[in-house]
Amino acid sequence: MKIDARRLIGLLYKNLDGPLLLLAACLMAANLAVLYSASNQSMDKIMSQLINMSVAAGIMWIAANISPQRMMMLGPPLYLIGFVLLIGVALTGDVVNGARRWLHIGVTRIQPSEIMKIALPMMLAWYFQRQEAVLKLRDFAIATLIMLLPLGLILKQPDLGTAILVSAASFYILFLAGLPWYIVGTLVLAGIGGIYFVTNWDLCIKIFHDYQCRRVATMLDPMQDPLGAGYHTIQGTIAIGSGGVLGKGWLNGTQTHLDFIPERTTDFIFAVFAEEFGLLGNCLLLVLYLLVIARGLFISSRASSFFGRLLAGSITLSFFTYAFVNMGMVSGILPVVGVPLPLISYGGTALVTLSLGFGILMSIHAHRKLVQT
């Protein structure tokens, strides 16, 4: 009986990656600690997040046990399903707070743009795998078209935060596949021009929604509207600064418990963390994130197929984008776009998506000697 138990544990652990699993467990433990404080010690929130974590762990395990060959074949159908669902959202989706992002399918409703966070990189990696030997400029043009079709539908919802994450994940695939440097340079210049564009109010409101332009203007000067659009940024920076070097201590954050920090269990949970654990806690959190990124890049470099290298690299750099954008918007250097702090913010959708990415990384690493280029 003892031997059977060992075999069962061995089979369950077979394709899991120890370092990634340990880092994910540390971040989820931090998640529960901060959530307990941010939610005013609500056990309902803790239990709900534990259920989310259980589902995410199951998704991660399933993904880790799907071989990269099978995963590659899932790319096109998953992309097609996600694209059709996005069209369904545009035609018949539910409108909540002015945004049309959700689609009813029977007894529940889903947010198809979340599917694209994984489906689009898988589709692009599958495409480049097929073209690996003869990559030409037209291949990158076709890949860009594949990227822009769903991205346009996501922007139309509008969902700027998801659009940023999806476009970043797709760009990483193009970059890692060998996008020429002169195109990268052109995109950088276009980005600089875009910053000038969105900071010019008259030009900005001709293309984007009024509230999106206001977020950028508020990022540049939050005191323009301290009780409105600038409130989130101002309170976030006050909480981060008031934490000092060592923080005020767990459950002792005054900005948090006097209800000054909005969305403090989800998008602005980093403000709670920084206030209670201070600069020292922030540094520890950054170390954990950097270790995840380093492990992901290591797995990408060891992948045995072009598909695996591209997908692992994109997932890893997307994880970096999650953390950078969230910390940037909470600390006031980026506009507020609704991106959660990876594995720390409360909620199931982003947690499941990120855990799926972890599972894919584990699968690529576990099958690195079995897949031939």
Protein backbone atom coordinates (compact mmCIF):
# COMPACT_ATOMS: atom_id res chain seq x y z
CA MET A 1 0.00 0.00 0.00
CA LYS A 2 2.88 2.33 0.85
CA ILE A 3 4.56 1.57 -2.52
CA ASP A 4 1.31 2.22 -4.42
CA ALA A 5 0.94 5.59 -2.69
CA ARG A 6 4.48 6.50 -3.74
CA ARG A 7 3.77 5.46 -7.31
CA LEU A 8 0.59 7.51 -7.33
CA ILE A 9 2.41 10.60 -6.03
CA GLY A 10 5.15 10.00 -8.59
CA LEU A 11 2.63 9.80 -11.42
CA LEU A 12 0.82 12.93 -10.25
CA TYR A 13 4.11 14.85 -9.92
CA LYS A 14 5.68 13.38 -13.07
CA ASN A 15 5.41 16.41 -15.39
CA LEU A 16 5.29 19.16 -12.77
CA ASP A 17 8.26 21.50 -12.42
CA GLY A 18 9.44 21.80 -8.81
CA PRO A 19 10.87 25.36 -8.92
CA LEU A 20 7.82 26.79 -10.70
CA LEU A 21 5.47 24.95 -8.36
CA LEU A 22 7.32 26.27 -5.29
CA LEU A 23 7.31 29.87 -6.59
CA ALA A 24 3.60 29.68 -7.47
CA ALA A 25 2.85 28.30 -3.97
CA CYS A 26 4.80 31.18 -2.33
CA LEU A 27 2.91 33.78 -4.38
CA MET A 28 -0.45 32.17 -3.63
CA ALA A 29 0.37 32.08 0.08
CA ALA A 30 1.15 35.81 -0.12
CA ASN A 31 -2.14 36.22 -1.96
CA LEU A 32 -4.12 34.68 0.91
CA ALA A 33 -2.29 36.74 3.55
CA VAL A 34 -2.83 40.08 1.77
CA LEU A 35 -6.40 39.20 0.78
CA TYR A 36 -7.25 38.40 4.41
CA SER A 37 -6.15 41.90 5.39
CA ALA A 38 -7.54 43.72 2.31
CA SER A 39 -10.97 42.10 2.71
CA ASN A 40 -11.25 43.07 6.40
CA GLN A 41 -10.57 39.47 7.47
CA SER A 42 -13.39 38.02 5.40
CA MET A 43 -13.28 34.22 5.53
CA ASP A 44 -15.83 34.09 2.70
CA LYS A 45 -13.30 35.77 0.40
CA ILE A 46 -10.56 33.41 1.57
CA MET A 47 -12.71 30.32 0.96
CA SER A 48 -13.75 31.63 -2.45
CA GLN A 49 -10.10 32.22 -3.39
CA LEU A 50 -9.14 28.75 -2.14
CA ILE A 51 -11.74 27.30 -4.52
CA ASN A 52 -10.29 29.45 -7.34
CA MET A 53 -6.82 28.15 -6.48
CA SER A 54 -8.02 24.53 -6.50
CA VAL A 55 -9.52 24.98 -9.97
CA ALA A 56 -6.36 26.76 -11.18
CA ALA A 57 -4.16 23.95 -9.80
CA GLY A 58 -6.28 21.37 -11.63
CA ILE A 59 -5.98 23.34 -14.90
CA MET A 60 -2.22 23.63 -14.41
CA TRP A 61 -1.87 19.88 -13.82
CA ILE A 62 -3.94 19.02 -16.91
CA ALA A 63 -1.89 21.41 -19.08
CA ALA A 64 1.36 19.99 -17.71
CA ASN A 65 0.29 16.53 -18.85
CA ILE A 66 -0.57 17.50 -22.42
CA SER A 67 2.40 17.06 -24.71
CA PRO A 68 3.61 20.07 -26.77
CA GLN A 69 2.78 18.16 -29.99
CA ARG A 70 -0.87 17.83 -28.96
CA MET A 71 -0.85 21.39 -27.63
CA MET A 72 0.38 22.68 -30.98
CA MET A 73 -2.56 21.03 -32.74
CA LEU A 74 -4.96 22.73 -30.29
CA GLY A 75 -3.76 26.20 -31.35
CA PRO A 76 -5.86 26.73 -34.53
CA PRO A 77 -9.19 25.33 -33.21
CA LEU A 78 -8.82 27.22 -29.92
CA TYR A 79 -8.10 30.44 -31.83
CA LEU A 80 -11.10 29.86 -34.10
CA ILE A 81 -13.43 29.19 -31.15
CA GLY A 82 -12.19 32.31 -29.36
CA PHE A 83 -12.61 34.45 -32.48
CA VAL A 84 -16.17 33.20 -33.11
CA LEU A 85 -17.06 33.85 -29.46
CA LEU A 86 -15.63 37.39 -29.74
CA ILE A 87 -17.90 37.99 -32.75
CA GLY A 88 -20.77 36.65 -30.61
CA VAL A 89 -19.86 39.17 -27.89
CA ALA A 90 -19.86 42.01 -30.44
CA LEU A 91 -23.31 40.99 -31.68
CA THR A 92 -25.18 39.78 -28.59
CA GLY A 93 -22.88 40.22 -25.56
CA ASP A 94 -24.04 41.63 -22.22
CA VAL A 95 -23.31 45.31 -21.57
CA VAL A 96 -22.00 45.96 -18.03
CA ASN A 97 -20.82 49.45 -17.00
CA GLY A 98 -20.72 50.55 -20.62
CA ALA A 99 -18.57 47.63 -21.83
CA ARG A 100 -19.76 44.64 -23.88
CA ARG A 101 -17.42 41.85 -22.72
CA TRP A 102 -19.51 38.89 -21.57
CA LEU A 103 -21.38 36.19 -23.46
CA HIS A 104 -24.07 33.87 -22.08
CA ILE A 105 -23.60 30.20 -22.99
CA GLY A 106 -26.38 28.20 -21.35
CA VAL A 107 -26.23 28.32 -17.57
CA THR A 108 -23.22 30.61 -17.26
CA ARG A 109 -21.44 33.46 -19.01
CA ILE A 110 -17.85 33.73 -20.17
CA GLN A 111 -15.37 36.44 -21.22
CA PRO A 112 -13.97 35.19 -24.58
CA SER A 113 -11.17 37.77 -24.61
CA GLU A 114 -9.57 35.75 -21.77
CA ILE A 115 -9.33 32.73 -24.09
CA MET A 116 -7.28 34.83 -26.51
CA LYS A 117 -4.56 35.42 -23.89
CA ILE A 118 -3.48 31.80 -24.50
CA ALA A 119 -5.14 30.92 -27.84
CA LEU A 120 -3.50 33.72 -29.84
CA PRO A 121 0.11 32.95 -28.77
CA MET A 122 -0.56 29.23 -29.41
CA MET A 123 -1.93 30.02 -32.87
CA LEU A 124 1.03 32.26 -33.78
CA ALA A 125 3.56 29.74 -32.43
CA TRP A 126 1.83 27.00 -34.48
CA TYR A 127 1.97 29.22 -37.57
CA PHE A 128 5.68 30.01 -37.21
CA GLN A 129 6.48 26.36 -36.48
CA ARG A 130 5.02 25.47 -39.88
CA GLN A 131 7.00 28.26 -41.59
CA GLU A 132 10.21 27.84 -39.56
CA ALA A 133 12.56 26.98 -42.42
CA VAL A 134 11.56 29.85 -44.72
CA LEU A 135 10.49 32.80 -42.57
CA LYS A 136 9.94 35.83 -44.75
CA LEU A 137 8.50 39.30 -44.26
CA ARG A 138 5.14 38.17 -45.62
CA ASP A 139 4.97 35.51 -42.87
CA PHE A 140 5.21 38.25 -40.25
CA ALA A 141 2.56 40.24 -42.14
CA ILE A 142 0.18 37.25 -42.06
CA ALA A 143 0.96 36.71 -38.37
CA THR A 144 0.20 40.38 -37.69
CA LEU A 145 -3.16 39.99 -39.44
CA ILE A 146 -3.91 36.91 -37.31
CA MET A 147 -3.15 39.08 -34.26
CA LEU A 148 -5.13 42.16 -35.33
CA LEU A 149 -8.43 40.39 -36.10
CA PRO A 150 -9.27 39.41 -32.48
CA LEU A 151 -7.45 42.45 -31.08
CA GLY A 152 -9.80 44.79 -32.95
CA LEU A 153 -12.83 43.01 -31.45
CA ILE A 154 -11.35 43.24 -27.93
CA LEU A 155 -10.65 46.98 -28.33
CA LYS A 156 -14.21 47.47 -29.57
CA GLN A 157 -15.69 46.04 -26.33
CA PRO A 158 -13.77 48.13 -24.99
CA ASP A 159 -11.23 46.26 -22.81
CA LEU A 160 -7.92 48.14 -22.92
CA GLY A 161 -6.25 46.06 -20.20
CA THR A 162 -6.88 42.73 -21.94
CA ALA A 163 -5.98 44.27 -25.31
CA ILE A 164 -2.59 45.31 -23.89
CA LEU A 165 -1.91 41.82 -22.51
CA VAL A 166 -3.03 40.03 -25.71
CA SER A 167 -1.05 42.34 -28.00
CA ALA A 168 2.04 42.05 -25.77
CA ALA A 169 1.87 38.23 -25.79
CA SER A 170 1.51 38.26 -29.59
CA PHE A 171 4.33 40.76 -30.10
CA TYR A 172 6.66 38.59 -28.01
CA ILE A 173 5.96 35.68 -30.38
CA LEU A 174 6.77 37.85 -33.42
CA PHE A 175 9.92 39.20 -31.75
CA LEU A 176 11.19 35.77 -30.68
CA ALA A 177 10.42 34.38 -34.15
CA GLY A 178 12.91 36.87 -35.60
CA LEU A 179 11.00 40.04 -36.42
CA PRO A 180 13.55 42.29 -38.24
CA TRP A 181 15.11 44.97 -36.05
CA TYR A 182 14.18 47.79 -38.42
CA ILE A 183 10.51 46.89 -37.90
CA VAL A 184 11.02 46.78 -34.12
CA GLY A 185 12.64 50.25 -34.36
CA THR A 186 9.71 51.51 -36.44
CA LEU A 187 7.26 50.18 -33.85
CA VAL A 188 9.20 51.93 -31.07
CA LEU A 189 9.00 55.22 -32.97
CA ALA A 190 5.29 54.59 -33.59
CA GLY A 191 4.88 54.01 -29.84
CA ILE A 192 6.55 57.33 -29.06
CA GLY A 193 4.24 58.99 -31.59
CA GLY A 194 1.30 57.20 -29.97
CA ILE A 195 2.24 58.61 -26.56
CA TYR A 196 2.21 62.12 -28.06
CA PHE A 197 -1.10 61.28 -29.71
CA VAL A 198 -2.94 60.06 -26.58
CA THR A 199 -1.59 62.95 -24.51
CA ASN A 200 -3.14 65.40 -26.99
CA TRP A 201 -6.73 65.54 -25.76
CA ASP A 202 -8.32 66.75 -29.01
CA LEU A 203 -6.67 64.00 -31.05
CA CYS A 204 -7.18 61.31 -28.42
CA ILE A 205 -10.98 61.61 -28.09
CA LYS A 206 -11.39 61.23 -31.85
CA ILE A 207 -10.18 57.61 -31.63
CA PHE A 208 -10.52 56.36 -28.03
CA HIS A 209 -13.31 56.56 -25.48
CA ASP A 210 -13.49 59.68 -23.37
CA TYR A 211 -12.72 57.81 -20.13
CA GLN A 212 -9.61 56.18 -21.66
CA CYS A 213 -8.19 59.59 -22.63
CA ARG A 214 -9.05 60.91 -19.17
CA ARG A 215 -7.04 58.07 -17.58
CA VAL A 216 -3.95 59.08 -19.53
CA ALA A 217 -4.43 62.76 -18.68
CA THR A 218 -4.94 61.81 -15.04
CA MET A 219 -1.80 59.67 -15.05
CA LEU A 220 0.20 62.73 -16.14
CA ASP A 221 -1.40 64.88 -13.45
CA PRO A 222 -3.67 63.00 -10.96
CA MET A 223 -4.44 66.25 -9.12
CA GLN A 224 -6.52 67.39 -12.12
CA ASP A 225 -9.36 65.31 -10.69
CA PRO A 226 -8.39 64.17 -7.16
CA LEU A 227 -11.87 62.93 -6.20
CA GLY A 228 -12.70 61.40 -9.58
CA ALA A 229 -10.39 59.83 -12.18
CA GLY A 230 -7.26 60.64 -10.15
CA TYR A 231 -8.54 59.13 -6.89
CA HIS A 232 -7.24 55.57 -7.50
CA THR A 233 -3.73 56.73 -8.41
CA ILE A 234 -3.45 59.24 -5.55
CA GLN A 235 -4.59 56.75 -2.90
CA GLY A 236 -2.35 54.03 -4.34
CA THR A 237 0.76 56.20 -4.19
CA ILE A 238 -0.11 57.44 -0.67
CA ALA A 239 -0.42 53.83 0.55
CA ILE A 240 2.87 52.79 -1.09
CA GLY A 241 4.71 55.79 0.37
CA SER A 242 3.22 55.44 3.84
CA GLY A 243 4.52 51.88 4.12
CA GLY A 244 8.10 53.12 4.39
CA VAL A 245 10.96 50.63 4.50
CA LEU A 246 9.49 48.01 6.85
CA GLY A 247 5.76 48.63 6.39
CA LYS A 248 3.04 49.17 8.98
CA GLY A 249 2.64 45.46 9.63
CA TRP A 250 0.14 42.81 8.60
CA LEU A 251 -3.49 43.92 9.27
CA ASN A 252 -2.24 47.36 10.33
CA GLY A 253 -2.51 49.33 7.07
CA THR A 254 -4.40 52.53 7.86
CA GLN A 255 -5.10 53.49 4.24
CA THR A 256 -6.44 49.97 3.72
CA HIS A 257 -8.64 49.61 6.79
CA LEU A 258 -10.01 53.16 6.63
CA ASP A 259 -11.30 52.27 3.14
CA PHE A 260 -9.19 54.82 1.26
CA ILE A 261 -7.86 52.30 -1.28
CA PRO A 262 -10.40 51.40 -4.01
CA GLU A 263 -10.49 47.91 -5.56
CA ARG A 264 -8.09 46.86 -2.79
CA THR A 265 -8.69 43.11 -3.15
CA THR A 266 -8.26 43.06 -6.93
CA ASP A 267 -6.40 45.54 -9.16
CA PHE A 268 -5.04 47.70 -6.29
CA ILE A 269 -4.01 44.92 -3.92
CA PHE A 270 -0.34 45.90 -4.47
CA ALA A 271 -1.06 49.16 -2.59
CA VAL A 272 -2.23 47.09 0.40
CA PHE A 273 0.83 44.84 0.18
CA ALA A 274 3.22 47.82 -0.05
CA GLU A 275 1.59 49.64 2.86
CA GLU A 276 1.73 46.66 5.23
CA PHE A 277 5.06 45.09 4.20
CA GLY A 278 6.94 48.19 3.02
CA LEU A 279 9.91 48.43 0.68
CA LEU A 280 11.39 45.22 2.09
CA GLY A 281 8.24 43.25 1.25
CA ASN A 282 8.12 44.81 -2.20
CA CYS A 283 11.70 43.72 -2.86
CA LEU A 284 10.86 40.16 -1.76
CA LEU A 285 7.82 40.13 -4.05
CA LEU A 286 9.95 41.38 -6.95
CA VAL A 287 12.52 38.64 -6.27
CA LEU A 288 9.76 36.00 -6.49
CA TYR A 289 8.53 37.46 -9.78
CA LEU A 290 12.06 37.66 -11.19
CA LEU A 291 12.68 34.01 -10.24
CA VAL A 292 9.49 32.99 -12.10
CA ILE A 293 10.63 34.95 -15.16
CA ALA A 294 14.16 33.50 -14.97
CA ARG A 295 12.79 29.95 -14.71
CA GLY A 296 10.41 30.56 -17.63
CA LEU A 297 13.21 31.91 -19.84
CA PHE A 298 15.39 28.93 -18.86
CA ILE A 299 12.60 26.55 -19.91
CA SER A 300 12.18 28.48 -23.17
CA SER A 301 15.91 28.19 -23.93
CA ARG A 302 15.82 24.42 -23.31
CA ALA A 303 12.70 23.69 -25.38
CA SER A 304 13.28 21.16 -28.13
CA SER A 305 10.94 22.66 -30.73
CA PHE A 306 10.49 26.10 -32.28
CA PHE A 307 6.84 26.03 -31.13
CA GLY A 308 7.92 25.34 -27.54
CA ARG A 309 10.56 28.08 -27.52
CA LEU A 310 8.17 30.71 -28.86
CA LEU A 311 5.25 29.75 -26.62
CA ALA A 312 7.33 29.45 -23.44
CA GLY A 313 9.03 32.79 -24.15
CA SER A 314 5.72 34.53 -24.80
CA ILE A 315 4.09 33.13 -21.63
CA THR A 316 7.08 34.18 -19.52
CA LEU A 317 7.29 37.71 -20.92
CA SER A 318 3.51 38.08 -20.62
CA PHE A 319 3.87 37.26 -16.91
CA PHE A 320 6.40 40.11 -16.71
CA THR A 321 3.89 42.40 -18.51
CA TYR A 322 1.16 41.54 -15.97
CA ALA A 323 3.39 42.51 -13.05
CA PHE A 324 4.91 45.60 -14.71
CA VAL A 325 1.57 47.07 -15.84
CA ASN A 326 -0.15 46.44 -12.49
CA MET A 327 2.65 47.86 -10.35
CA GLY A 328 3.04 50.73 -12.81
CA MET A 329 -0.63 51.73 -12.67
CA VAL A 330 -0.82 51.43 -8.86
CA SER A 331 2.31 53.55 -8.40
CA GLY A 332 1.12 56.15 -10.94
CA ILE A 333 3.62 55.71 -13.77
CA LEU A 334 1.05 54.03 -16.09
CA PRO A 335 -2.67 54.71 -16.66
CA VAL A 336 -5.21 52.59 -14.78
CA VAL A 337 -6.21 49.84 -17.23
CA GLY A 338 -7.59 47.06 -15.01
CA VAL A 339 -4.73 44.52 -15.03
CA PRO A 340 -4.48 42.25 -11.94
CA LEU A 341 -1.26 41.60 -10.01
CA PRO A 342 -0.26 38.06 -11.09
CA LEU A 343 -1.18 35.35 -8.56
CA ILE A 344 -1.84 38.01 -5.88
CA SER A 345 -5.08 39.75 -6.92
CA TYR A 346 -8.39 38.22 -5.86
CA GLY A 347 -10.40 36.51 -8.61
CA GLY A 348 -10.47 33.32 -10.63
CA THR A 349 -10.18 34.32 -14.30
CA ALA A 350 -6.63 35.70 -14.32
CA LEU A 351 -5.54 33.05 -11.80
CA VAL A 352 -6.72 30.24 -14.09
CA THR A 353 -5.16 31.87 -17.17
CA LEU A 354 -1.80 32.29 -15.43
CA SER A 355 -1.90 28.76 -14.00
CA LEU A 356 -2.65 27.43 -17.48
CA GLY A 357 0.47 29.25 -18.64
CA PHE A 358 2.48 27.66 -15.81
CA GLY A 359 1.13 24.24 -16.84
CA ILE A 360 2.20 24.82 -20.46
CA LEU A 361 5.69 25.82 -19.30
CA MET A 362 5.91 22.63 -17.22
CA SER A 363 4.80 20.50 -20.17
CA ILE A 364 7.39 22.09 -22.49
CA HIS A 365 10.10 21.44 -19.89
CA ALA A 366 8.99 17.88 -19.11
CA HIS A 367 8.87 16.92 -22.80
CA ARG A 368 12.06 18.73 -23.82
CA LYS A 369 13.88 15.47 -24.62
CA LEU A 370 10.97 13.82 -26.38
CA VAL A 371 10.19 16.45 -29.03
CA GLN A 372 12.34 16.67 -32.11
CA THR A 373 12.70 19.91 -34.08
